[in-house]
Amino acid sequence: MLHLEAVNTPPTRVDVWNVSNAHCRVHYQLLAEAEPDLLCRALNLFAMQFLTPEQVNVQRMDDLLSIDIVIDGLTWHRAQVIAEKLRNLISVCSVNLQSADSAWDEQAQATG
């Protein structure tokens, strides 16, 4: 029997189209129909890119789901490509993409 070893993987995946671009932290806001498989389909787009979100928040409001996803380690171009893929999912009504740092700064100023 072979000895199993831990697999060391790089923390972020290189964006081959924009190698020189800096990585950023982004916030996706989705509004979608409350379908049982929607959350899995949306999160799978990140999993296929070997990305793990920092934060996922889901709230059901009658027949709609409000989904917030915060993720670090992608270039802005790559974040936009994933946003387009999210928009193309069946049941997704809207996707808003913004820099997570600016969103949290605005929220702190509004409450402070």
Protein backbone atom coordinates (compact mmCIF):
# COMPACT_ATOMS: atom_id res chain seq x y z
CA MET A 1 0.00 0.00 0.00
CA LEU A 2 1.31 3.43 -0.90
CA HIS A 3 2.04 6.02 1.75
CA LEU A 4 -0.31 9.00 1.41
CA GLU A 5 1.22 12.44 1.60
CA ALA A 6 -0.37 15.83 1.97
CA VAL A 7 -0.60 17.71 -1.30
CA ASN A 8 0.84 21.19 -1.15
CA THR A 9 -1.00 23.51 -3.49
CA PRO A 10 -0.28 27.15 -4.22
CA PRO A 11 -2.52 29.58 -2.29
CA THR A 12 -3.68 31.37 -5.44
CA ARG A 13 -4.02 30.35 -9.03
CA VAL A 14 -2.01 32.37 -11.55
CA ASP A 15 -4.16 34.39 -13.93
CA VAL A 16 -2.42 33.51 -17.20
CA TRP A 17 -4.20 36.28 -19.13
CA ASN A 18 -3.16 39.02 -16.69
CA VAL A 19 -0.03 37.82 -14.93
CA SER A 20 1.10 41.37 -14.08
CA ASN A 21 -2.22 42.41 -12.51
CA ALA A 22 -2.44 42.61 -8.74
CA HIS A 23 -4.83 40.38 -6.87
CA CYS A 24 -7.75 41.96 -5.10
CA ARG A 25 -10.55 41.15 -2.68
CA VAL A 26 -14.01 41.25 -4.27
CA HIS A 27 -17.63 41.12 -3.16
CA TYR A 28 -20.30 39.48 -5.31
CA GLN A 29 -23.95 40.25 -4.60
CA LEU A 30 -26.42 37.91 -6.30
CA LEU A 31 -30.18 37.96 -6.42
CA ALA A 32 -31.71 34.74 -7.70
CA GLU A 33 -34.78 32.57 -7.65
CA ALA A 34 -34.83 30.27 -4.62
CA GLU A 35 -33.93 27.02 -6.37
CA PRO A 36 -32.54 24.12 -4.28
CA ASP A 37 -29.40 23.67 -6.39
CA LEU A 38 -28.55 27.32 -7.08
CA LEU A 39 -26.08 27.80 -4.24
CA CYS A 40 -24.15 24.69 -5.28
CA ARG A 41 -24.05 25.81 -8.91
CA ALA A 42 -22.82 29.29 -7.96
CA LEU A 43 -20.13 28.09 -5.56
CA ASN A 44 -19.01 25.47 -8.06
CA LEU A 45 -17.82 28.25 -10.39
CA PHE A 46 -15.28 29.21 -7.71
CA ALA A 47 -14.38 25.59 -6.90
CA MET A 48 -13.59 24.88 -10.57
CA GLN A 49 -11.06 27.75 -10.41
CA PHE A 50 -9.58 26.30 -7.19
CA LEU A 51 -10.85 29.30 -5.20
CA THR A 52 -12.37 29.19 -1.72
CA PRO A 53 -14.54 32.13 -0.65
CA GLU A 54 -13.69 33.93 2.59
CA GLN A 55 -17.33 34.57 3.38
CA VAL A 56 -20.69 33.38 2.03
CA ASN A 57 -23.98 34.75 3.29
CA VAL A 58 -27.36 33.54 1.99
CA GLN A 59 -30.79 34.79 2.92
CA ARG A 60 -34.09 33.59 1.55
CA MET A 61 -36.76 36.20 1.00
CA ASP A 62 -39.95 34.48 -0.17
CA ASP A 63 -39.12 33.17 -3.66
CA LEU A 64 -35.70 34.86 -3.91
CA LEU A 65 -32.22 34.22 -2.56
CA SER A 66 -29.85 37.03 -1.68
CA ILE A 67 -26.28 35.71 -1.83
CA ASP A 68 -23.14 37.63 -0.79
CA ILE A 69 -19.75 36.12 -1.56
CA VAL A 70 -16.43 37.69 -0.53
CA ILE A 71 -13.28 36.23 -2.03
CA ASP A 72 -9.62 37.19 -2.17
CA GLY A 73 -6.85 36.23 -4.54
CA LEU A 74 -8.20 37.06 -7.99
CA THR A 75 -7.40 39.73 -10.49
CA TRP A 76 -10.15 42.17 -11.39
CA HIS A 77 -10.34 40.64 -14.88
CA ARG A 78 -10.82 37.16 -13.48
CA ALA A 79 -13.45 38.43 -11.02
CA GLN A 80 -15.37 39.94 -13.95
CA VAL A 81 -15.22 36.67 -15.91
CA ILE A 82 -16.66 34.77 -12.93
CA ALA A 83 -19.36 37.45 -12.55
CA GLU A 84 -20.40 36.88 -16.17
CA LYS A 85 -20.56 33.13 -15.57
CA LEU A 86 -22.73 33.76 -12.50
CA ARG A 87 -25.04 35.96 -14.60
CA ASN A 88 -25.41 33.12 -17.10
CA LEU A 89 -26.67 30.65 -14.49
CA ILE A 90 -30.33 29.80 -14.82
CA SER A 91 -32.37 31.40 -11.98
CA VAL A 92 -29.91 34.27 -11.40
CA CYS A 93 -31.66 37.63 -11.70
CA SER A 94 -28.71 39.97 -11.07
CA VAL A 95 -25.03 39.99 -10.11
CA ASN A 96 -23.22 43.01 -8.68
CA LEU A 97 -19.42 42.93 -8.43
CA GLN A 98 -17.39 45.43 -6.43
CA SER A 99 -14.12 45.71 -4.59
CA ALA A 100 -14.68 44.24 -1.12
CA ASP A 101 -12.36 46.72 0.54
CA SER A 102 -14.28 49.74 -0.74
CA ALA A 103 -17.63 48.12 0.08
CA TRP A 104 -16.60 47.48 3.67
CA ASP A 105 -15.15 51.02 3.97
CA GLU A 106 -18.44 52.56 2.77
CA GLN A 107 -20.42 50.36 5.15
CA ALA A 108 -18.23 51.36 8.12
CA GLN A 109 -18.62 55.06 7.28
CA ALA A 110 -22.40 54.72 7.03
CA THR A 111 -22.67 53.07 10.45
CA GLY A 112 -20.00 55.19 12.15
